């Protein structure tokens, strides 16, 4: 993978057993960021564990999260790393909001459909 930060995020999510990890290149569709990383979890506890792991591994590598939303609720947590936006969601929320469909034109860099 070309981007070290994307690899750190993906590895952290895999370490906590997130599933269906997708990395979308949205740089041509929005100014919100260049990449969206989307991952599914089975519970709010797993969502928080994944987010904590991403934050810890990114901090270890010298990257600090700029903003984080949804931690208290735990069904969908968004992490903003500037040009990378990480969405960690319970599977039900991911199916309901289907954010991948909103970004159909985005090119998938990684699509790990393990469930």
PDB file of N, CA and C in Angstrom:
ATOM      1  N   UNK A   1       0.856  -1.182   0.000  1.00  0.00           N
ATOM      2  CA  UNK A   1       0.000   0.000   0.000  1.00  0.00           C
ATOM      3  C   UNK A   1       0.895   1.235   0.000  1.00  0.00           C
ATOM      4  N   UNK A   2       0.526   2.224  -0.798  1.00  0.00           N
ATOM      5  CA  UNK A   2       1.399   3.382  -1.003  1.00  0.00           C
ATOM      6  C   UNK A   2       1.488   4.323   0.194  1.00  0.00           C
ATOM      7  N   UNK A   3       0.486   4.373   1.019  1.00  0.00           N
ATOM      8  CA  UNK A   3       0.439   5.352   2.102  1.00  0.00           C
ATOM      9  C   UNK A   3       0.685   4.660   3.442  1.00  0.00           C
ATOM     10  N   UNK A   4       1.766   5.047   4.115  1.00  0.00           N
ATOM     11  CA  UNK A   4       2.123   4.433   5.394  1.00  0.00           C
ATOM     12  C   UNK A   4       0.996   4.545   6.412  1.00  0.00           C
ATOM     13  N   UNK A   5       0.351   5.701   6.458  1.00  0.00           N
ATOM     14  CA  UNK A   5      -0.725   5.903   7.426  1.00  0.00           C
ATOM     15  C   UNK A   5      -1.899   4.978   7.158  1.00  0.00           C
ATOM     16  N   UNK A   6      -2.243   4.781   5.898  1.00  0.00           N
ATOM     17  CA  UNK A   6      -3.333   3.862   5.567  1.00  0.00           C
ATOM     18  C   UNK A   6      -2.989   2.443   6.026  1.00  0.00           C
ATOM     19  N   UNK A   7      -1.745   2.043   5.864  1.00  0.00           N
ATOM     20  CA  UNK A   7      -1.328   0.703   6.281  1.00  0.00           C
ATOM     21  C   UNK A   7      -1.398   0.561   7.796  1.00  0.00           C
ATOM     22  N   UNK A   8      -0.987   1.584   8.531  1.00  0.00           N
ATOM     23  CA  UNK A   8      -1.059   1.555   9.996  1.00  0.00           C
ATOM     24  C   UNK A   8      -2.509   1.399  10.441  1.00  0.00           C
ATOM     25  N   UNK A   9      -3.398   2.179   9.829  1.00  0.00           N
ATOM     26  CA  UNK A   9      -4.826   2.126  10.176  1.00  0.00           C
ATOM     27  C   UNK A   9      -5.396   0.750   9.865  1.00  0.00           C
ATOM     28  N   UNK A  10      -5.128   0.243   8.673  1.00  0.00           N
ATOM     29  CA  UNK A  10      -5.650  -1.071   8.267  1.00  0.00           C
ATOM     30  C   UNK A  10      -5.144  -2.163   9.209  1.00  0.00           C
ATOM     31  N   UNK A  11      -3.856  -2.144   9.535  1.00  0.00           N
ATOM     32  CA  UNK A  11      -3.298  -3.161  10.438  1.00  0.00           C
ATOM     33  C   UNK A  11      -3.929  -3.086  11.820  1.00  0.00           C
ATOM     34  N   UNK A  12      -4.131  -1.868  12.329  1.00  0.00           N
ATOM     35  CA  UNK A  12      -4.750  -1.701  13.651  1.00  0.00           C
ATOM     36  C   UNK A  12      -6.163  -2.259  13.653  1.00  0.00           C
ATOM     37  N   UNK A  13      -6.920  -1.988  12.603  1.00  0.00           N
ATOM     38  CA  UNK A  13      -8.283  -2.507  12.500  1.00  0.00           C
ATOM     39  C   UNK A  13      -8.287  -4.030  12.419  1.00  0.00           C
ATOM     40  N   UNK A  14      -7.373  -4.580  11.639  1.00  0.00           N
ATOM     41  CA  UNK A  14      -7.281  -6.035  11.527  1.00  0.00           C
ATOM     42  C   UNK A  14      -6.884  -6.659  12.861  1.00  0.00           C
ATOM     43  N   UNK A  15      -5.982  -6.001  13.607  1.00  0.00           N
ATOM     44  CA  UNK A  15      -5.554  -6.509  14.907  1.00  0.00           C
ATOM     45  C   UNK A  15      -6.724  -6.678  15.871  1.00  0.00           C
ATOM     46  N   UNK A  16      -7.730  -5.809  15.749  1.00  0.00           N
ATOM     47  CA  UNK A  16      -8.904  -5.881  16.625  1.00  0.00           C
ATOM     48  C   UNK A  16     -10.081  -6.581  15.953  1.00  0.00           C
ATOM     49  N   UNK A  17      -9.787  -7.282  14.864  1.00  0.00           N
ATOM     50  CA  UNK A  17     -10.766  -8.149  14.179  1.00  0.00           C
ATOM     51  C   UNK A  17     -11.928  -7.402  13.529  1.00  0.00           C
ATOM     52  N   UNK A  18     -11.697  -6.168  13.089  1.00  0.00           N
ATOM     53  CA  UNK A  18     -12.713  -5.482  12.287  1.00  0.00           C
ATOM     54  C   UNK A  18     -12.870  -6.256  10.976  1.00  0.00           C
ATOM     55  N   UNK A  19     -14.035  -6.194  10.389  1.00  0.00           N
ATOM     56  CA  UNK A  19     -14.278  -6.911   9.137  1.00  0.00           C
ATOM     57  C   UNK A  19     -14.668  -5.935   8.035  1.00  0.00           C
ATOM     58  N   UNK A  20     -14.663  -6.457   6.810  1.00  0.00           N
ATOM     59  CA  UNK A  20     -15.119  -5.697   5.648  1.00  0.00           C
ATOM     60  C   UNK A  20     -14.432  -4.326   5.580  1.00  0.00           C
ATOM     61  N   UNK A  21     -13.126  -4.309   5.717  1.00  0.00           N
ATOM     62  CA  UNK A  21     -12.353  -3.068   5.692  1.00  0.00           C
ATOM     63  C   UNK A  21     -12.213  -2.603   4.246  1.00  0.00           C
ATOM     64  N   UNK A  22     -12.661  -1.382   3.993  1.00  0.00           N
ATOM     65  CA  UNK A  22     -12.549  -0.798   2.661  1.00  0.00           C
ATOM     66  C   UNK A  22     -11.802   0.518   2.747  1.00  0.00           C
ATOM     67  N   UNK A  23     -10.930   0.754   1.787  1.00  0.00           N
ATOM     68  CA  UNK A  23     -10.224   2.030   1.678  1.00  0.00           C
ATOM     69  C   UNK A  23     -10.597   2.628   0.328  1.00  0.00           C
ATOM     70  N   UNK A  24     -11.263   3.774   0.381  1.00  0.00           N
ATOM     71  CA  UNK A  24     -11.737   4.432  -0.833  1.00  0.00           C
ATOM     72  C   UNK A  24     -10.937   5.690  -1.101  1.00  0.00           C
ATOM     73  N   UNK A  25     -10.546   5.891  -2.344  1.00  0.00           N
ATOM     74  CA  UNK A  25      -9.902   7.134  -2.765  1.00  0.00           C
ATOM     75  C   UNK A  25     -11.016   8.090  -3.183  1.00  0.00           C
ATOM     76  N   UNK A  26     -11.297   9.081  -2.328  1.00  0.00           N
ATOM     77  CA  UNK A  26     -12.380  10.032  -2.584  1.00  0.00           C
ATOM     78  C   UNK A  26     -11.842  11.415  -2.971  1.00  0.00           C
ATOM     79  N   UNK A  27     -10.568  11.479  -3.305  1.00  0.00           N
ATOM     80  CA  UNK A  27      -9.908  12.758  -3.563  1.00  0.00           C
ATOM     81  C   UNK A  27     -10.536  13.527  -4.729  1.00  0.00           C
ATOM     82  N   UNK A  28     -11.125  12.827  -5.662  1.00  0.00           N
ATOM     83  CA  UNK A  28     -11.735  13.500  -6.817  1.00  0.00           C
ATOM     84  C   UNK A  28     -13.206  13.861  -6.575  1.00  0.00           C
ATOM     85  N   UNK A  29     -13.806  13.312  -5.490  1.00  0.00           N
ATOM     86  CA  UNK A  29     -15.216  13.537  -5.210  1.00  0.00           C
ATOM     87  C   UNK A  29     -15.475  14.592  -4.144  1.00  0.00           C
ATOM     88  N   UNK A  30     -14.504  14.846  -3.256  1.00  0.00           N
ATOM     89  CA  UNK A  30     -14.762  15.737  -2.134  1.00  0.00           C
ATOM     90  C   UNK A  30     -13.485  16.402  -1.648  1.00  0.00           C
ATOM     91  N   UNK A  31     -13.671  17.518  -0.976  1.00  0.00           N
ATOM     92  CA  UNK A  31     -12.527  18.179  -0.339  1.00  0.00           C
ATOM     93  C   UNK A  31     -12.429  17.781   1.134  1.00  0.00           C
ATOM     94  N   UNK A  32     -13.305  16.878   1.588  1.00  0.00           N
ATOM     95  CA  UNK A  32     -13.283  16.417   2.979  1.00  0.00           C
ATOM     96  C   UNK A  32     -12.009  15.656   3.303  1.00  0.00           C
ATOM     97  N   UNK A  33     -11.447  15.001   2.322  1.00  0.00           N
ATOM     98  CA  UNK A  33     -10.238  14.217   2.519  1.00  0.00           C
ATOM     99  C   UNK A  33      -9.909  13.468   1.248  1.00  0.00           C
ATOM    100  N   UNK A  34      -8.777  12.777   1.266  1.00  0.00           N
ATOM    101  CA  UNK A  34      -8.369  11.995   0.101  1.00  0.00           C
ATOM    102  C   UNK A  34      -8.824  10.544   0.188  1.00  0.00           C
ATOM    103  N   UNK A  35      -8.895  10.034   1.428  1.00  0.00           N
ATOM    104  CA  UNK A  35      -9.239   8.625   1.624  1.00  0.00           C
ATOM    105  C   UNK A  35     -10.272   8.473   2.718  1.00  0.00           C
ATOM    106  N   UNK A  36     -11.199   7.541   2.509  1.00  0.00           N
ATOM    107  CA  UNK A  36     -12.109   7.082   3.546  1.00  0.00           C
ATOM    108  C   UNK A  36     -11.729   5.639   3.843  1.00  0.00           C
ATOM    109  N   UNK A  37     -11.556   5.332   5.112  1.00  0.00           N
ATOM    110  CA  UNK A  37     -11.366   3.957   5.548  1.00  0.00           C
ATOM    111  C   UNK A  37     -12.642   3.584   6.296  1.00  0.00           C
ATOM    112  N   UNK A  38     -13.268   2.485   5.887  1.00  0.00           N
ATOM    113  CA  UNK A  38     -14.532   2.058   6.477  1.00  0.00           C
ATOM    114  C   UNK A  38     -14.355   0.625   6.974  1.00  0.00           C
ATOM    115  N   UNK A  39     -14.771   0.390   8.225  1.00  0.00           N
ATOM    116  CA  UNK A  39     -14.639  -0.948   8.798  1.00  0.00           C
ATOM    117  C   UNK A  39     -15.870  -1.288   9.625  1.00  0.00           C
ATOM    118  N   UNK A  40     -16.208  -2.562   9.675  1.00  0.00           N
ATOM    119  CA  UNK A  40     -17.367  -3.048  10.422  1.00  0.00           C
ATOM    120  C   UNK A  40     -16.931  -3.778  11.683  1.00  0.00           C
ATOM    121  N   UNK A  41     -17.786  -3.667  12.708  1.00  0.00           N
ATOM    122  CA  UNK A  41     -17.575  -4.361  13.981  1.00  0.00           C
ATOM    123  C   UNK A  41     -18.897  -4.957  14.438  1.00  0.00           C
ATOM    124  N   UNK A  42     -18.812  -5.898  15.365  1.00  0.00           N
ATOM    125  CA  UNK A  42     -20.007  -6.588  15.836  1.00  0.00           C
ATOM    126  C   UNK A  42     -20.685  -5.916  17.020  1.00  0.00           C
ATOM    127  N   UNK A  43     -19.977  -5.039  17.743  1.00  0.00           N
ATOM    128  CA  UNK A  43     -20.554  -4.420  18.937  1.00  0.00           C
ATOM    129  C   UNK A  43     -19.925  -3.049  19.167  1.00  0.00           C
ATOM    130  N   UNK A  44     -20.554  -2.259  20.031  1.00  0.00           N
ATOM    131  CA  UNK A  44     -19.988  -0.950  20.366  1.00  0.00           C
ATOM    132  C   UNK A  44     -18.656  -1.113  21.099  1.00  0.00           C
ATOM    133  N   UNK A  45     -18.504  -2.179  21.855  1.00  0.00           N
ATOM    134  CA  UNK A  45     -17.237  -2.449  22.545  1.00  0.00           C
ATOM    135  C   UNK A  45     -16.127  -2.678  21.525  1.00  0.00           C
ATOM    136  N   UNK A  46     -16.414  -3.444  20.470  1.00  0.00           N
ATOM    137  CA  UNK A  46     -15.415  -3.694  19.433  1.00  0.00           C
ATOM    138  C   UNK A  46     -15.126  -2.420  18.642  1.00  0.00           C
ATOM    139  N   UNK A  47     -16.158  -1.618  18.377  1.00  0.00           N
ATOM    140  CA  UNK A  47     -15.952  -0.346  17.666  1.00  0.00           C
ATOM    141  C   UNK A  47     -14.961   0.513  18.447  1.00  0.00           C
ATOM    142  N   UNK A  48     -15.198   0.665  19.743  1.00  0.00           N
ATOM    143  CA  UNK A  48     -14.303   1.492  20.571  1.00  0.00           C
ATOM    144  C   UNK A  48     -12.899   0.904  20.645  1.00  0.00           C
ATOM    145  N   UNK A  49     -12.811  -0.422  20.745  1.00  0.00           N
ATOM    146  CA  UNK A  49     -11.498  -1.076  20.796  1.00  0.00           C
ATOM    147  C   UNK A  49     -10.715  -0.828  19.503  1.00  0.00           C
ATOM    148  N   UNK A  50     -11.403  -0.883  18.377  1.00  0.00           N
ATOM    149  CA  UNK A  50     -10.752  -0.617  17.094  1.00  0.00           C
ATOM    150  C   UNK A  50     -10.274   0.833  17.017  1.00  0.00           C
ATOM    151  N   UNK A  51     -11.116   1.750  17.426  1.00  0.00           N
ATOM    152  CA  UNK A  51     -10.760   3.174  17.394  1.00  0.00           C
ATOM    153  C   UNK A  51      -9.582   3.446  18.325  1.00  0.00           C
ATOM    154  N   UNK A  52      -9.618   2.856  19.519  1.00  0.00           N
ATOM    155  CA  UNK A  52      -8.511   3.032  20.463  1.00  0.00           C
ATOM    156  C   UNK A  52      -7.203   2.504  19.873  1.00  0.00           C
ATOM    157  N   UNK A  53      -7.274   1.363  19.200  1.00  0.00           N
ATOM    158  CA  UNK A  53      -6.082   0.757  18.601  1.00  0.00           C
ATOM    159  C   UNK A  53      -5.546   1.624  17.463  1.00  0.00           C
ATOM    160  N   UNK A  54      -6.430   2.117  16.614  1.00  0.00           N
ATOM    161  CA  UNK A  54      -5.999   3.007  15.526  1.00  0.00           C
ATOM    162  C   UNK A  54      -5.328   4.242  16.109  1.00  0.00           C
ATOM    163  N   UNK A  55      -5.971   4.849  17.100  1.00  0.00           N
ATOM    164  CA  UNK A  55      -5.422   6.068  17.693  1.00  0.00           C
ATOM    165  C   UNK A  55      -4.045   5.808  18.327  1.00  0.00           C
ATOM    166  N   UNK A  56      -3.926   4.699  19.032  1.00  0.00           N
ATOM    167  CA  UNK A  56      -2.650   4.366  19.685  1.00  0.00           C
ATOM    168  C   UNK A  56      -1.544   4.117  18.660  1.00  0.00           C
ATOM    169  N   UNK A  57      -1.832   3.314  17.641  1.00  0.00           N
ATOM    170  CA  UNK A  57      -0.814   2.992  16.629  1.00  0.00           C
ATOM    171  C   UNK A  57      -0.423   4.223  15.815  1.00  0.00           C
ATOM    172  N   UNK A  58      -1.396   5.068  15.524  1.00  0.00           N
ATOM    173  CA  UNK A  58      -1.081   6.293  14.776  1.00  0.00           C
ATOM    174  C   UNK A  58      -0.246   7.241  15.636  1.00  0.00           C
ATOM    175  N   UNK A  59      -0.575   7.365  16.918  1.00  0.00           N
ATOM    176  CA  UNK A  59       0.219   8.200  17.826  1.00  0.00           C
ATOM    177  C   UNK A  59       1.646   7.680  17.934  1.00  0.00           C
ATOM    178  N   UNK A  60       1.795   6.355  18.037  1.00  0.00           N
ATOM    179  CA  UNK A  60       3.124   5.745  18.089  1.00  0.00           C
ATOM    180  C   UNK A  60       3.953   6.107  16.865  1.00  0.00           C
ATOM    181  N   UNK A  61       3.274   6.281  15.715  1.00  0.00           N
ATOM    182  CA  UNK A  61       3.959   6.625  14.467  1.00  0.00           C
ATOM    183  C   UNK A  61       4.077   8.146  14.277  1.00  0.00           C
ATOM    184  N   UNK A  62       3.543   8.909  15.235  1.00  0.00           N
ATOM    185  CA  UNK A  62       3.681  10.367  15.170  1.00  0.00           C
ATOM    186  C   UNK A  62       2.517  11.102  14.538  1.00  0.00           C
ATOM    187  N   UNK A  63       1.376  10.437  14.394  1.00  0.00           N
ATOM    188  CA  UNK A  63       0.192  11.056  13.779  1.00  0.00           C
ATOM    189  C   UNK A  63      -0.912  11.192  14.814  1.00  0.00           C
ATOM    190  N   UNK A  64      -1.379  12.402  15.004  1.00  0.00           N
ATOM    191  CA  UNK A  64      -2.408  12.665  16.001  1.00  0.00           C
ATOM    192  C   UNK A  64      -3.761  12.877  15.322  1.00  0.00           C
ATOM    193  N   UNK A  65      -4.804  12.282  15.905  1.00  0.00           N
ATOM    194  CA  UNK A  65      -6.154  12.470  15.374  1.00  0.00           C
ATOM    195  C   UNK A  65      -6.553  13.933  15.574  1.00  0.00           C
ATOM    196  N   UNK A  66      -7.095  14.535  14.516  1.00  0.00           N
ATOM    197  CA  UNK A  66      -7.501  15.943  14.588  1.00  0.00           C
ATOM    198  C   UNK A  66      -8.863  16.094  15.259  1.00  0.00           C
ATOM    199  N   UNK A  67      -9.730  15.116  15.008  1.00  0.00           N
ATOM    200  CA  UNK A  67     -11.090  15.180  15.544  1.00  0.00           C
ATOM    201  C   UNK A  67     -11.652  13.765  15.597  1.00  0.00           C
ATOM    202  N   UNK A  68     -12.484  13.525  16.599  1.00  0.00           N
ATOM    203  CA  UNK A  68     -13.119  12.219  16.743  1.00  0.00           C
ATOM    204  C   UNK A  68     -14.557  12.458  17.169  1.00  0.00           C
ATOM    205  N   UNK A  69     -15.504  11.760  16.527  1.00  0.00           N
ATOM    206  CA  UNK A  69     -16.924  11.899  16.841  1.00  0.00           C
ATOM    207  C   UNK A  69     -17.561  10.538  17.058  1.00  0.00           C
ATOM    208  N   UNK A  70     -18.533  10.479  17.965  1.00  0.00           N
ATOM    209  CA  UNK A  70     -19.348   9.287  18.142  1.00  0.00           C
ATOM    210  C   UNK A  70     -18.824   8.288  19.145  1.00  0.00           C
ATOM    211  N   UNK A  71     -17.751   8.632  19.857  1.00  0.00           N
ATOM    212  CA  UNK A  71     -17.136   7.653  20.760  1.00  0.00           C
ATOM    213  C   UNK A  71     -18.094   7.216  21.860  1.00  0.00           C
ATOM    214  N   UNK A  72     -18.834   8.138  22.413  1.00  0.00           N
ATOM    215  CA  UNK A  72     -19.745   7.801  23.510  1.00  0.00           C
ATOM    216  C   UNK A  72     -20.814   6.802  23.061  1.00  0.00           C
ATOM    217  N   UNK A  73     -21.413   7.062  21.907  1.00  0.00           N
ATOM    218  CA  UNK A  73     -22.463   6.162  21.408  1.00  0.00           C
ATOM    219  C   UNK A  73     -21.923   4.821  20.960  1.00  0.00           C
ATOM    220  N   UNK A  74     -20.831   4.836  20.238  1.00  0.00           N
ATOM    221  CA  UNK A  74     -20.145   3.614  19.858  1.00  0.00           C
ATOM    222  C   UNK A  74     -20.691   2.835  18.686  1.00  0.00           C
ATOM    223  N   UNK A  75     -21.772   3.301  18.051  1.00  0.00           N
ATOM    224  CA  UNK A  75     -22.246   2.542  16.895  1.00  0.00           C
ATOM    225  C   UNK A  75     -21.547   2.985  15.604  1.00  0.00           C
ATOM    226  N   UNK A  76     -21.061   4.237  15.582  1.00  0.00           N
ATOM    227  CA  UNK A  76     -20.327   4.750  14.431  1.00  0.00           C
ATOM    228  C   UNK A  76     -19.381   5.817  14.950  1.00  0.00           C
ATOM    229  N   UNK A  77     -18.100   5.545  14.875  1.00  0.00           N
ATOM    230  CA  UNK A  77     -17.105   6.522  15.301  1.00  0.00           C
ATOM    231  C   UNK A  77     -16.323   6.978  14.081  1.00  0.00           C
ATOM    232  N   UNK A  78     -16.196   8.285  13.961  1.00  0.00           N
ATOM    233  CA  UNK A  78     -15.459   8.900  12.871  1.00  0.00           C
ATOM    234  C   UNK A  78     -14.168   9.487  13.435  1.00  0.00           C
ATOM    235  N   UNK A  79     -13.063   9.221  12.765  1.00  0.00           N
ATOM    236  CA  UNK A  79     -11.764   9.769  13.147  1.00  0.00           C
ATOM    237  C   UNK A  79     -11.227  10.573  11.961  1.00  0.00           C
ATOM    238  N   UNK A  80     -10.810  11.803  12.234  1.00  0.00           N
ATOM    239  CA  UNK A  80     -10.323  12.692  11.189  1.00  0.00           C
ATOM    240  C   UNK A  80      -8.815  12.854  11.322  1.00  0.00           C
ATOM    241  N   UNK A  81      -8.095  12.378  10.318  1.00  0.00           N
ATOM    242  CA  UNK A  81      -6.643  12.553  10.249  1.00  0.00           C
ATOM    243  C   UNK A  81      -6.275  13.512   9.119  1.00  0.00           C
ATOM    244  N   UNK A  82      -7.131  14.480   8.863  1.00  0.00           N
ATOM    245  CA  UNK A  82      -6.870  15.448   7.800  1.00  0.00           C
ATOM    246  C   UNK A  82      -7.281  14.891   6.453  1.00  0.00           C
ATOM    247  N   UNK A  83      -6.360  14.284   5.739  1.00  0.00           N
ATOM    248  CA  UNK A  83      -6.689  13.738   4.424  1.00  0.00           C
ATOM    249  C   UNK A  83      -7.219  12.304   4.491  1.00  0.00           C
ATOM    250  N   UNK A  84      -7.236  11.711   5.686  1.00  0.00           N
ATOM    251  CA  UNK A  84      -7.788  10.365   5.875  1.00  0.00           C
ATOM    252  C   UNK A  84      -8.906  10.441   6.910  1.00  0.00           C
ATOM    253  N   UNK A  85     -10.091   9.979   6.521  1.00  0.00           N
ATOM    254  CA  UNK A  85     -11.235   9.910   7.425  1.00  0.00           C
ATOM    255  C   UNK A  85     -11.526   8.431   7.671  1.00  0.00           C
ATOM    256  N   UNK A  86     -11.548   8.046   8.947  1.00  0.00           N
ATOM    257  CA  UNK A  86     -11.774   6.646   9.320  1.00  0.00           C
ATOM    258  C   UNK A  86     -13.182   6.526   9.902  1.00  0.00           C
ATOM    259  N   UNK A  87     -13.963   5.594   9.353  1.00  0.00           N
ATOM    260  CA  UNK A  87     -15.317   5.300   9.827  1.00  0.00           C
ATOM    261  C   UNK A  87     -15.298   3.876  10.389  1.00  0.00           C
ATOM    262  N   UNK A  88     -15.498   3.738  11.692  1.00  0.00           N
ATOM    263  CA  UNK A  88     -15.599   2.414  12.309  1.00  0.00           C
ATOM    264  C   UNK A  88     -17.036   2.286  12.791  1.00  0.00           C
ATOM    265  N   UNK A  89     -17.742   1.268  12.276  1.00  0.00           N
ATOM    266  CA  UNK A  89     -19.181   1.186  12.473  1.00  0.00           C
ATOM    267  C   UNK A  89     -19.616  -0.216  12.872  1.00  0.00           C
ATOM    268  N   UNK A  90     -20.680  -0.270  13.686  1.00  0.00           N
ATOM    269  CA  UNK A  90     -21.332  -1.560  13.889  1.00  0.00           C
ATOM    270  C   UNK A  90     -21.938  -1.966  12.550  1.00  0.00           C
ATOM    271  N   UNK A  91     -21.961  -3.253  12.307  1.00  0.00           N
ATOM    272  CA  UNK A  91     -22.432  -3.762  11.018  1.00  0.00           C
ATOM    273  C   UNK A  91     -23.825  -3.240  10.662  1.00  0.00           C
ATOM    274  N   UNK A  92     -24.737  -3.186  11.642  1.00  0.00           N
ATOM    275  CA  UNK A  92     -26.107  -2.724  11.369  1.00  0.00           C
ATOM    276  C   UNK A  92     -26.105  -1.264  10.893  1.00  0.00           C
ATOM    277  N   UNK A  93     -25.299  -0.427  11.529  1.00  0.00           N
ATOM    278  CA  UNK A  93     -25.221   0.984  11.122  1.00  0.00           C
ATOM    279  C   UNK A  93     -24.623   1.102   9.731  1.00  0.00           C
ATOM    280  N   UNK A  94     -23.631   0.286   9.455  1.00  0.00           N
ATOM    281  CA  UNK A  94     -22.995   0.341   8.130  1.00  0.00           C
ATOM    282  C   UNK A  94     -23.984  -0.042   7.040  1.00  0.00           C
ATOM    283  N   UNK A  95     -24.769  -1.071   7.296  1.00  0.00           N
ATOM    284  CA  UNK A  95     -25.776  -1.488   6.310  1.00  0.00           C
ATOM    285  C   UNK A  95     -26.840  -0.410   6.145  1.00  0.00           C
ATOM    286  N   UNK A  96     -27.252   0.201   7.247  1.00  0.00           N
ATOM    287  CA  UNK A  96     -28.300   1.223   7.197  1.00  0.00           C
ATOM    288  C   UNK A  96     -27.840   2.463   6.425  1.00  0.00           C
ATOM    289  N   UNK A  97     -26.655   2.991   6.752  1.00  0.00           N
ATOM    290  CA  UNK A  97     -26.183   4.234   6.136  1.00  0.00           C
ATOM    291  C   UNK A  97     -25.520   4.010   4.786  1.00  0.00           C
ATOM    292  N   UNK A  98     -24.977   2.850   4.573  1.00  0.00           N
ATOM    293  CA  UNK A  98     -24.396   2.455   3.293  1.00  0.00           C
ATOM    294  C   UNK A  98     -23.562   3.572   2.658  1.00  0.00           C
ATOM    295  N   UNK A  99     -22.595   4.075   3.426  1.00  0.00           N
ATOM    296  CA  UNK A  99     -21.823   5.217   2.919  1.00  0.00           C
ATOM    297  C   UNK A  99     -20.984   4.880   1.697  1.00  0.00           C
ATOM    298  N   UNK A 100     -20.652   3.609   1.502  1.00  0.00           N
ATOM    299  CA  UNK A 100     -19.924   3.244   0.283  1.00  0.00           C
ATOM    300  C   UNK A 100     -20.738   3.577  -0.964  1.00  0.00           C
ATOM    301  N   UNK A 101     -22.051   3.412  -0.872  1.00  0.00           N
ATOM    302  CA  UNK A 101     -22.912   3.686  -2.016  1.00  0.00           C
ATOM    303  C   UNK A 101     -22.925   5.176  -2.358  1.00  0.00           C
ATOM    304  N   UNK A 102     -22.775   6.015  -1.327  1.00  0.00           N
ATOM    305  CA  UNK A 102     -22.713   7.454  -1.574  1.00  0.00           C
ATOM    306  C   UNK A 102     -21.468   7.848  -2.353  1.00  0.00           C
ATOM    307  N   UNK A 103     -20.448   7.021  -2.264  1.00  0.00           N
ATOM    308  CA  UNK A 103     -19.160   7.311  -2.899  1.00  0.00           C
ATOM    309  C   UNK A 103     -18.862   6.287  -3.982  1.00  0.00           C
ATOM    310  N   UNK A 104     -19.892   5.888  -4.729  1.00  0.00           N
ATOM    311  CA  UNK A 104     -19.754   4.879  -5.779  1.00  0.00           C
ATOM    312  C   UNK A 104     -18.638   5.173  -6.770  1.00  0.00           C
ATOM    313  N   UNK A 105     -18.404   6.447  -7.056  1.00  0.00           N
ATOM    314  CA  UNK A 105     -17.397   6.807  -8.049  1.00  0.00           C
ATOM    315  C   UNK A 105     -15.978   6.727  -7.500  1.00  0.00           C
ATOM    316  N   UNK A 106     -15.844   6.548  -6.198  1.00  0.00           N
ATOM    317  CA  UNK A 106     -14.515   6.479  -5.587  1.00  0.00           C
ATOM    318  C   UNK A 106     -13.856   5.158  -5.948  1.00  0.00           C
ATOM    319  N   UNK A 107     -12.578   5.194  -6.159  1.00  0.00           N
ATOM    320  CA  UNK A 107     -11.828   3.975  -6.442  1.00  0.00           C
ATOM    321  C   UNK A 107     -11.434   3.288  -5.151  1.00  0.00           C
ATOM    322  N   UNK A 108     -11.738   2.008  -5.047  1.00  0.00           N
ATOM    323  CA  UNK A 108     -11.355   1.253  -3.850  1.00  0.00           C
ATOM    324  C   UNK A 108      -9.894   0.857  -3.956  1.00  0.00           C
ATOM    325  N   UNK A 109      -9.097   1.266  -2.976  1.00  0.00           N
ATOM    326  CA  UNK A 109      -7.698   0.845  -2.904  1.00  0.00           C
ATOM    327  C   UNK A 109      -7.604  -0.545  -2.319  1.00  0.00           C
ATOM    328  N   UNK A 110      -8.398  -0.768  -1.291  1.00  0.00           N
ATOM    329  CA  UNK A 110      -8.412  -2.056  -0.595  1.00  0.00           C
ATOM    330  C   UNK A 110      -9.861  -2.409  -0.364  1.00  0.00           C
ATOM    331  N   UNK A 111     -10.156  -3.664  -0.499  1.00  0.00           N
ATOM    332  CA  UNK A 111     -11.502  -4.128  -0.235  1.00  0.00           C
ATOM    333  C   UNK A 111     -11.382  -5.501   0.389  1.00  0.00           C
ATOM    334  N   UNK A 112     -11.399  -5.541   1.708  1.00  0.00           N
ATOM    335  CA  UNK A 112     -11.221  -6.776   2.464  1.00  0.00           C
ATOM    336  C   UNK A 112     -12.595  -7.211   2.962  1.00  0.00           C
ATOM    337  N   UNK A 113     -13.248  -8.055   2.231  1.00  0.00           N
ATOM    338  CA  UNK A 113     -14.630  -8.436   2.531  1.00  0.00           C
ATOM    339  C   UNK A 113     -14.715  -9.620   3.488  1.00  0.00           C
ATOM    340  N   UNK A 114     -13.698  -9.857   4.306  1.00  0.00           N
ATOM    341  CA  UNK A 114     -13.784 -10.947   5.287  1.00  0.00           C
ATOM    342  C   UNK A 114     -14.856 -10.625   6.309  1.00  0.00           C
ATOM    343  N   UNK A 115     -15.775 -11.532   6.493  1.00  0.00           N
ATOM    344  CA  UNK A 115     -16.828 -11.334   7.497  1.00  0.00           C
ATOM    345  C   UNK A 115     -17.023 -12.579   8.292  1.00  0.00           C
TER     346      UNK A 115
END
